[in-house]
Amino acid sequence: MADNKSTLVVGLGNNYRKDDGVGLYVAEKIRSMNLDNIEVADNIGESTSLIKVWSNAGKVFVVDAVISTEREGTTHRFDALKEKIPGEIFNSYSTHSFSLLESIELAKTLGELPDSLIIYGIEGKDFSSGIGLSSKVVKAADEVIDMLVNEIQSH
């Protein structure tokens, strides 16, 4: 999907589970910017497909909704190659049958991790059926977009 020097932004989620669609929102906004050497993936389906999607990318950013004890709209950033990611926040309301963290562990076992893997988790509140993100989640997503663009352009 991507060449060895490319950067890949992956948005995970489900647009029909309200705040769970935040990763897809971020991916679409990044895609609409038409940034050079940036690929965007957002129709992943099974989380295990991530391994194939990022297999040739140099730097990968994944954005997904999370839930923990933090307030709605709180943003978490993890360097998946350098730190332990708290699994409980990525599993609570996930609509993925195979979690993001399980995909990362499988990729590690298979030797299929990208050179760089940054995970952004945005705290959601409403994961009920329906379309649309809550206002605090949209605000946090827009801030993550700015952070992503800055991080991508600084390298």
N, C-alpha and C. Protein backbone atom coordinates (compact mmCIF):
# COMPACT_ATOMS: atom_id res chain seq x y z
N MET A 1 0.82 -1.19 0.00
CA MET A 1 0.00 0.00 0.00
C MET A 1 0.86 1.25 0.00
N ALA A 2 1.90 1.28 0.78
CA ALA A 2 2.75 2.46 0.91
C ALA A 2 4.17 2.08 0.57
N ASP A 3 4.97 3.08 0.14
CA ASP A 3 6.37 2.76 -0.10
C ASP A 3 7.16 2.91 1.19
N ASN A 4 8.43 2.48 1.18
CA ASN A 4 9.22 2.44 2.41
C ASN A 4 9.43 3.80 3.05
N LYS A 5 9.30 4.86 2.32
CA LYS A 5 9.53 6.19 2.87
C LYS A 5 8.23 6.90 3.23
N SER A 6 7.11 6.27 3.03
CA SER A 6 5.83 6.94 3.23
C SER A 6 5.41 6.97 4.69
N THR A 7 4.49 7.86 4.95
CA THR A 7 3.84 7.94 6.25
C THR A 7 2.40 7.52 6.04
N LEU A 8 1.90 6.74 6.96
CA LEU A 8 0.53 6.23 6.86
C LEU A 8 -0.25 6.67 8.09
N VAL A 9 -1.43 7.21 7.86
CA VAL A 9 -2.37 7.55 8.92
C VAL A 9 -3.54 6.58 8.81
N VAL A 10 -3.81 5.88 9.90
CA VAL A 10 -4.89 4.89 9.93
C VAL A 10 -5.96 5.35 10.91
N GLY A 11 -7.18 5.45 10.43
CA GLY A 11 -8.31 5.78 11.29
C GLY A 11 -9.14 4.53 11.52
N LEU A 12 -9.34 4.17 12.78
CA LEU A 12 -10.15 3.01 13.14
C LEU A 12 -11.48 3.46 13.71
N GLY A 13 -12.47 2.61 13.62
CA GLY A 13 -13.74 2.92 14.25
C GLY A 13 -14.95 2.55 13.43
N ASN A 14 -16.09 3.01 13.91
CA ASN A 14 -17.38 2.71 13.30
C ASN A 14 -18.21 3.98 13.33
N ASN A 15 -18.50 4.52 12.16
CA ASN A 15 -19.29 5.76 12.07
C ASN A 15 -20.71 5.61 12.59
N TYR A 16 -21.18 4.39 12.78
CA TYR A 16 -22.55 4.15 13.24
C TYR A 16 -22.61 3.85 14.73
N ARG A 17 -21.52 4.13 15.44
CA ARG A 17 -21.47 3.99 16.89
C ARG A 17 -20.98 5.30 17.51
N LYS A 18 -21.54 6.40 17.05
CA LYS A 18 -21.24 7.75 17.51
C LYS A 18 -19.75 8.01 17.73
N ASP A 19 -19.28 8.20 18.98
CA ASP A 19 -17.90 8.60 19.23
C ASP A 19 -16.87 7.57 18.76
N ASP A 20 -17.30 6.34 18.51
CA ASP A 20 -16.38 5.33 17.99
C ASP A 20 -15.88 5.70 16.60
N GLY A 21 -16.54 6.63 15.92
CA GLY A 21 -16.13 7.04 14.58
C GLY A 21 -15.03 8.08 14.55
N VAL A 22 -14.46 8.44 15.68
CA VAL A 22 -13.47 9.52 15.71
C VAL A 22 -12.23 9.23 14.88
N GLY A 23 -11.76 8.00 14.86
CA GLY A 23 -10.59 7.67 14.05
C GLY A 23 -10.87 7.87 12.56
N LEU A 24 -12.08 7.53 12.14
CA LEU A 24 -12.48 7.71 10.74
C LEU A 24 -12.59 9.20 10.40
N TYR A 25 -13.08 9.99 11.35
CA TYR A 25 -13.17 11.44 11.18
C TYR A 25 -11.78 12.03 10.94
N VAL A 26 -10.82 11.64 11.78
CA VAL A 26 -9.45 12.15 11.64
C VAL A 26 -8.86 11.73 10.30
N ALA A 27 -9.05 10.47 9.94
CA ALA A 27 -8.50 9.98 8.66
C ALA A 27 -9.07 10.77 7.48
N GLU A 28 -10.35 11.01 7.49
CA GLU A 28 -10.97 11.74 6.37
C GLU A 28 -10.44 13.17 6.29
N LYS A 29 -10.28 13.83 7.43
CA LYS A 29 -9.76 15.20 7.43
C LYS A 29 -8.32 15.23 6.91
N ILE A 30 -7.50 14.28 7.34
CA ILE A 30 -6.11 14.21 6.86
C ILE A 30 -6.10 13.95 5.36
N ARG A 31 -6.94 13.03 4.90
CA ARG A 31 -7.02 12.72 3.46
C ARG A 31 -7.37 13.97 2.66
N SER A 32 -8.30 14.76 3.16
CA SER A 32 -8.76 15.95 2.43
C SER A 32 -7.68 17.03 2.32
N MET A 33 -6.63 16.94 3.13
CA MET A 33 -5.53 17.91 3.09
C MET A 33 -4.57 17.64 1.93
N ASN A 34 -4.64 16.44 1.35
CA ASN A 34 -3.76 16.08 0.22
C ASN A 34 -2.29 16.35 0.51
N LEU A 35 -1.82 15.90 1.65
CA LEU A 35 -0.42 16.10 2.05
C LEU A 35 0.49 15.17 1.25
N ASP A 36 1.64 15.68 0.84
CA ASP A 36 2.60 14.87 0.07
C ASP A 36 3.13 13.71 0.90
N ASN A 37 3.28 12.57 0.26
CA ASN A 37 3.84 11.35 0.86
C ASN A 37 3.09 10.85 2.08
N ILE A 38 1.80 11.20 2.17
CA ILE A 38 0.97 10.72 3.26
C ILE A 38 -0.13 9.86 2.67
N GLU A 39 -0.21 8.63 3.15
CA GLU A 39 -1.31 7.76 2.76
C GLU A 39 -2.26 7.66 3.93
N VAL A 40 -3.53 7.44 3.62
CA VAL A 40 -4.56 7.33 4.64
C VAL A 40 -5.33 6.04 4.42
N ALA A 41 -5.56 5.31 5.49
CA ALA A 41 -6.36 4.09 5.44
C ALA A 41 -7.44 4.19 6.51
N ASP A 42 -8.67 3.93 6.12
CA ASP A 42 -9.74 4.04 7.10
C ASP A 42 -10.85 3.01 6.91
N ASN A 43 -10.71 2.14 5.96
CA ASN A 43 -11.72 1.11 5.76
C ASN A 43 -11.06 -0.24 6.01
N ILE A 44 -10.57 -0.40 7.21
CA ILE A 44 -9.72 -1.54 7.56
C ILE A 44 -10.53 -2.82 7.74
N GLY A 45 -11.69 -2.72 8.34
CA GLY A 45 -12.45 -3.93 8.65
C GLY A 45 -11.87 -4.59 9.88
N GLU A 46 -11.31 -5.74 9.73
CA GLU A 46 -10.69 -6.49 10.82
C GLU A 46 -9.38 -5.84 11.22
N SER A 47 -9.15 -5.70 12.50
CA SER A 47 -7.91 -5.09 12.99
C SER A 47 -6.66 -5.85 12.55
N THR A 48 -6.78 -7.15 12.31
CA THR A 48 -5.63 -7.91 11.84
C THR A 48 -5.17 -7.43 10.46
N SER A 49 -6.06 -6.78 9.72
CA SER A 49 -5.70 -6.24 8.41
C SER A 49 -4.69 -5.10 8.53
N LEU A 50 -4.56 -4.56 9.72
CA LEU A 50 -3.58 -3.49 9.95
C LEU A 50 -2.18 -3.94 9.56
N ILE A 51 -1.85 -5.17 9.85
CA ILE A 51 -0.51 -5.67 9.57
C ILE A 51 -0.20 -5.55 8.08
N LYS A 52 -1.13 -5.91 7.27
CA LYS A 52 -0.93 -5.80 5.82
C LYS A 52 -0.90 -4.33 5.40
N VAL A 53 -1.77 -3.52 5.96
CA VAL A 53 -1.86 -2.11 5.60
C VAL A 53 -0.56 -1.37 5.90
N TRP A 54 0.04 -1.65 7.06
CA TRP A 54 1.24 -0.89 7.44
C TRP A 54 2.54 -1.60 7.07
N SER A 55 2.47 -2.73 6.40
CA SER A 55 3.65 -3.56 6.17
C SER A 55 4.79 -2.85 5.44
N ASN A 56 4.53 -1.89 4.59
CA ASN A 56 5.59 -1.21 3.85
C ASN A 56 5.74 0.26 4.22
N ALA A 57 5.02 0.70 5.23
CA ALA A 57 5.10 2.12 5.63
C ALA A 57 6.29 2.34 6.56
N GLY A 58 6.89 3.53 6.47
CA GLY A 58 7.99 3.87 7.35
C GLY A 58 7.49 4.32 8.71
N LYS A 59 6.54 5.25 8.71
CA LYS A 59 6.00 5.79 9.95
C LYS A 59 4.48 5.64 9.89
N VAL A 60 3.91 5.10 10.97
CA VAL A 60 2.47 4.86 11.01
C VAL A 60 1.87 5.55 12.23
N PHE A 61 0.75 6.21 12.00
CA PHE A 61 -0.06 6.81 13.06
C PHE A 61 -1.42 6.14 13.02
N VAL A 62 -1.88 5.65 14.16
CA VAL A 62 -3.21 5.05 14.25
C VAL A 62 -4.04 5.87 15.22
N VAL A 63 -5.27 6.18 14.82
CA VAL A 63 -6.18 6.96 15.66
C VAL A 63 -7.42 6.12 15.91
N ASP A 64 -7.80 6.01 17.19
CA ASP A 64 -8.97 5.21 17.56
C ASP A 64 -9.63 5.84 18.78
N ALA A 65 -10.89 5.51 18.97
CA ALA A 65 -11.60 5.93 20.17
C ALA A 65 -11.19 5.04 21.34
N VAL A 66 -11.16 5.62 22.52
CA VAL A 66 -10.87 4.86 23.73
C VAL A 66 -11.84 5.28 24.83
N ILE A 67 -11.86 4.48 25.87
CA ILE A 67 -12.65 4.85 27.04
C ILE A 67 -11.90 4.38 28.29
N SER A 68 -11.80 5.29 29.24
CA SER A 68 -11.18 4.99 30.53
C SER A 68 -11.84 5.88 31.57
N THR A 69 -11.12 6.20 32.61
CA THR A 69 -11.67 7.08 33.64
C THR A 69 -11.45 8.56 33.31
N GLU A 70 -10.76 8.83 32.21
CA GLU A 70 -10.51 10.22 31.81
C GLU A 70 -11.77 10.83 31.22
N ARG A 71 -11.77 12.16 31.14
CA ARG A 71 -12.92 12.86 30.59
C ARG A 71 -13.01 12.75 29.08
N GLU A 72 -14.22 12.81 28.60
CA GLU A 72 -14.50 12.82 27.16
C GLU A 72 -13.66 13.89 26.47
N GLY A 73 -13.02 13.50 25.38
CA GLY A 73 -12.18 14.43 24.64
C GLY A 73 -10.72 14.41 25.05
N THR A 74 -10.38 13.69 26.11
CA THR A 74 -8.98 13.58 26.51
C THR A 74 -8.24 12.79 25.43
N THR A 75 -7.02 13.24 25.12
CA THR A 75 -6.22 12.58 24.10
C THR A 75 -5.04 11.86 24.74
N HIS A 76 -4.80 10.66 24.28
CA HIS A 76 -3.66 9.86 24.72
C HIS A 76 -2.76 9.64 23.51
N ARG A 77 -1.45 9.69 23.72
CA ARG A 77 -0.49 9.41 22.65
C ARG A 77 0.51 8.38 23.17
N PHE A 78 0.71 7.32 22.39
CA PHE A 78 1.63 6.26 22.77
C PHE A 78 2.57 5.95 21.62
N ASP A 79 3.82 5.73 21.94
CA ASP A 79 4.77 5.21 20.97
C ASP A 79 4.78 3.71 21.19
N ALA A 80 4.10 2.99 20.31
CA ALA A 80 3.88 1.56 20.50
C ALA A 80 5.15 0.73 20.47
N LEU A 81 6.24 1.29 19.94
CA LEU A 81 7.49 0.55 19.90
C LEU A 81 8.36 0.81 21.12
N LYS A 82 7.99 1.81 21.92
CA LYS A 82 8.83 2.19 23.06
C LYS A 82 8.15 2.09 24.42
N GLU A 83 6.82 1.95 24.44
CA GLU A 83 6.14 1.94 25.73
C GLU A 83 4.98 0.96 25.72
N LYS A 84 4.59 0.55 26.90
CA LYS A 84 3.44 -0.35 27.04
C LYS A 84 2.16 0.48 26.91
N ILE A 85 1.26 -0.03 26.11
CA ILE A 85 -0.02 0.66 25.90
C ILE A 85 -1.06 0.00 26.79
N PRO A 86 -1.78 0.79 27.59
CA PRO A 86 -2.79 0.20 28.47
C PRO A 86 -3.94 -0.41 27.66
N GLY A 87 -3.98 -1.72 27.61
CA GLY A 87 -4.94 -2.43 26.79
C GLY A 87 -6.39 -2.17 27.14
N GLU A 88 -6.66 -1.93 28.39
CA GLU A 88 -8.06 -1.76 28.79
C GLU A 88 -8.74 -0.56 28.14
N ILE A 89 -8.01 0.48 27.80
CA ILE A 89 -8.67 1.64 27.22
C ILE A 89 -9.01 1.44 25.75
N PHE A 90 -8.34 0.51 25.08
CA PHE A 90 -8.63 0.25 23.67
C PHE A 90 -9.61 -0.89 23.47
N ASN A 91 -10.02 -1.55 24.54
CA ASN A 91 -10.91 -2.70 24.40
C ASN A 91 -12.33 -2.47 24.89
N SER A 92 -12.56 -1.50 25.73
CA SER A 92 -13.83 -1.37 26.43
C SER A 92 -15.05 -1.35 25.52
N TYR A 93 -15.04 -0.51 24.52
CA TYR A 93 -16.19 -0.39 23.64
C TYR A 93 -15.82 -0.63 22.19
N SER A 94 -14.71 -1.31 21.95
CA SER A 94 -14.24 -1.52 20.60
C SER A 94 -15.24 -2.32 19.78
N THR A 95 -15.41 -1.91 18.53
CA THR A 95 -16.25 -2.67 17.61
C THR A 95 -15.39 -3.60 16.77
N HIS A 96 -14.10 -3.66 17.06
CA HIS A 96 -13.20 -4.55 16.34
C HIS A 96 -13.18 -5.89 17.07
N SER A 97 -13.33 -7.00 16.36
CA SER A 97 -13.33 -8.29 17.03
C SER A 97 -11.93 -8.69 17.48
N PHE A 98 -10.91 -8.14 16.85
CA PHE A 98 -9.51 -8.37 17.21
C PHE A 98 -8.98 -6.99 17.53
N SER A 99 -8.56 -6.74 18.75
CA SER A 99 -8.23 -5.38 19.18
C SER A 99 -6.96 -4.85 18.52
N LEU A 100 -6.82 -3.55 18.57
CA LEU A 100 -5.62 -2.87 18.07
C LEU A 100 -4.38 -3.44 18.76
N LEU A 101 -4.45 -3.61 20.07
CA LEU A 101 -3.28 -4.10 20.79
C LEU A 101 -2.95 -5.54 20.43
N GLU A 102 -3.97 -6.35 20.18
CA GLU A 102 -3.71 -7.73 19.73
C GLU A 102 -3.05 -7.72 18.35
N SER A 103 -3.45 -6.79 17.51
CA SER A 103 -2.82 -6.65 16.18
C SER A 103 -1.36 -6.26 16.32
N ILE A 104 -1.07 -5.34 17.23
CA ILE A 104 0.31 -4.92 17.46
C ILE A 104 1.15 -6.09 17.97
N GLU A 105 0.62 -6.84 18.91
CA GLU A 105 1.35 -7.99 19.45
C GLU A 105 1.58 -9.06 18.39
N LEU A 106 0.58 -9.30 17.55
CA LEU A 106 0.74 -10.27 16.48
C LEU A 106 1.80 -9.80 15.49
N ALA A 107 1.76 -8.52 15.13
CA ALA A 107 2.76 -7.96 14.21
C ALA A 107 4.16 -8.07 14.81
N LYS A 108 4.27 -7.84 16.11
CA LYS A 108 5.57 -7.97 16.79
C LYS A 108 6.08 -9.40 16.69
N THR A 109 5.20 -10.35 16.96
CA THR A 109 5.57 -11.76 16.89
C THR A 109 6.00 -12.16 15.47
N LEU A 110 5.31 -11.62 14.48
CA LEU A 110 5.61 -11.95 13.08
C LEU A 110 6.75 -11.12 12.50
N GLY A 111 7.25 -10.15 13.27
CA GLY A 111 8.29 -9.27 12.76
C GLY A 111 7.78 -8.32 11.70
N GLU A 112 6.52 -7.90 11.83
CA GLU A 112 5.86 -7.07 10.83
C GLU A 112 5.48 -5.68 11.33
N LEU A 113 6.15 -5.20 12.36
CA LEU A 113 5.87 -3.84 12.84
C LEU A 113 6.52 -2.82 11.91
N PRO A 114 5.90 -1.67 11.75
CA PRO A 114 6.54 -0.61 10.97
C PRO A 114 7.73 -0.04 11.74
N ASP A 115 8.52 0.81 11.09
CA ASP A 115 9.68 1.45 11.74
C ASP A 115 9.26 2.33 12.91
N SER A 116 8.10 2.94 12.79
CA SER A 116 7.58 3.83 13.83
C SER A 116 6.07 3.62 13.90
N LEU A 117 5.54 3.52 15.11
CA LEU A 117 4.10 3.27 15.30
C LEU A 117 3.60 4.12 16.46
N ILE A 118 2.90 5.18 16.12
CA ILE A 118 2.35 6.10 17.11
C ILE A 118 0.84 5.89 17.16
N ILE A 119 0.31 5.71 18.37
CA ILE A 119 -1.11 5.48 18.57
C ILE A 119 -1.71 6.69 19.29
N TYR A 120 -2.76 7.25 18.71
CA TYR A 120 -3.54 8.30 19.37
C TYR A 120 -4.88 7.71 19.76
N GLY A 121 -5.23 7.83 21.02
CA GLY A 121 -6.54 7.41 21.51
C GLY A 121 -7.29 8.63 21.98
N ILE A 122 -8.50 8.78 21.52
CA ILE A 122 -9.34 9.92 21.92
C ILE A 122 -10.50 9.39 22.73
N GLU A 123 -10.63 9.91 23.95
CA GLU A 123 -11.69 9.46 24.85
C GLU A 123 -13.06 9.83 24.30
N GLY A 124 -13.89 8.81 24.15
CA GLY A 124 -15.27 9.03 23.76
C GLY A 124 -16.17 8.90 24.96
N LYS A 125 -17.42 9.23 24.76
CA LYS A 125 -18.41 9.11 25.83
C LYS A 125 -19.62 8.31 25.37
N ASP A 126 -20.09 8.59 24.16
CA ASP A 126 -21.31 7.98 23.66
C ASP A 126 -20.98 7.00 22.54
N PHE A 127 -21.13 5.72 22.82
CA PHE A 127 -20.86 4.67 21.85
C PHE A 127 -22.14 3.96 21.44
N SER A 128 -23.27 4.63 21.64
CA SER A 128 -24.54 4.04 21.26
C SER A 128 -24.71 4.09 19.74
N SER A 129 -25.72 3.41 19.25
CA SER A 129 -25.99 3.41 17.81
C SER A 129 -26.38 4.81 17.36
N GLY A 130 -25.88 5.18 16.20
CA GLY A 130 -26.19 6.48 15.64
C GLY A 130 -24.97 7.11 15.00
N ILE A 131 -25.21 8.21 14.32
CA ILE A 131 -24.16 8.91 13.59
C ILE A 131 -23.85 10.22 14.29
N GLY A 132 -22.57 10.59 14.30
CA GLY A 132 -22.18 11.89 14.82
C GLY A 132 -21.35 11.79 16.08
N LEU A 133 -20.33 12.63 16.13
CA LEU A 133 -19.43 12.69 17.28
C LEU A 133 -19.91 13.76 18.24
N SER A 134 -19.64 13.55 19.53
CA SER A 134 -19.95 14.59 20.51
C SER A 134 -19.00 15.77 20.31
N SER A 135 -19.40 16.94 20.74
CA SER A 135 -18.63 18.17 20.48
C SER A 135 -17.23 18.12 21.08
N LYS A 136 -17.08 17.56 22.27
CA LYS A 136 -15.75 17.48 22.89
C LYS A 136 -14.84 16.52 22.12
N VAL A 137 -15.41 15.49 21.55
CA VAL A 137 -14.64 14.53 20.77
C VAL A 137 -14.20 15.17 19.44
N VAL A 138 -15.07 15.95 18.82
CA VAL A 138 -14.70 16.67 17.59
C VAL A 138 -13.56 17.65 17.89
N LYS A 139 -13.66 18.37 18.99
CA LYS A 139 -12.62 19.33 19.36
C LYS A 139 -11.28 18.60 19.57
N ALA A 140 -11.31 17.49 20.28
CA ALA A 140 -10.09 16.71 20.50
C ALA A 140 -9.56 16.15 19.19
N ALA A 141 -10.43 15.69 18.32
CA ALA A 141 -10.01 15.15 17.03
C ALA A 141 -9.32 16.22 16.20
N ASP A 142 -9.87 17.42 16.20
CA ASP A 142 -9.24 18.52 15.45
C ASP A 142 -7.87 18.86 16.02
N GLU A 143 -7.72 18.77 17.33
CA GLU A 143 -6.40 18.98 17.95
C GLU A 143 -5.43 17.87 17.57
N VAL A 144 -5.90 16.63 17.51
CA VAL A 144 -5.06 15.51 17.09
C VAL A 144 -4.63 15.69 15.64
N ILE A 145 -5.52 16.17 14.80
CA ILE A 145 -5.16 16.43 13.40
C ILE A 145 -4.02 17.43 13.33
N ASP A 146 -4.10 18.50 14.10
CA ASP A 146 -3.01 19.49 14.14
C ASP A 146 -1.71 18.86 14.64
N MET A 147 -1.80 18.04 15.68
CA MET A 147 -0.61 17.38 16.21
C MET A 147 0.00 16.43 15.18
N LEU A 148 -0.86 15.68 14.50
CA LEU A 148 -0.38 14.75 13.47
C LEU A 148 0.34 15.49 12.35
N VAL A 149 -0.28 16.53 11.86
CA VAL A 149 0.32 17.29 10.75
C VAL A 149 1.65 17.87 11.19
N ASN A 150 1.72 18.43 12.39
CA ASN A 150 2.98 18.98 12.90
C ASN A 150 4.03 17.88 13.04
N GLU A 151 3.65 16.74 13.57
CA GLU A 151 4.60 15.65 13.76
C GLU A 151 5.08 15.10 12.42
N ILE A 152 4.19 14.98 11.47
CA ILE A 152 4.55 14.48 10.15
C ILE A 152 5.49 15.45 9.45
N GLN A 153 5.18 16.72 9.51
CA GLN A 153 5.99 17.73 8.80
C GLN A 153 7.31 18.00 9.48
N SER A 154 7.46 17.65 10.76
CA SER A 154 8.72 17.91 11.46
C SER A 154 9.76 16.83 11.19
N HIS A 155 9.38 15.77 10.50
CA HIS A 155 10.33 14.68 10.22
C HIS A 155 10.72 14.67 8.76
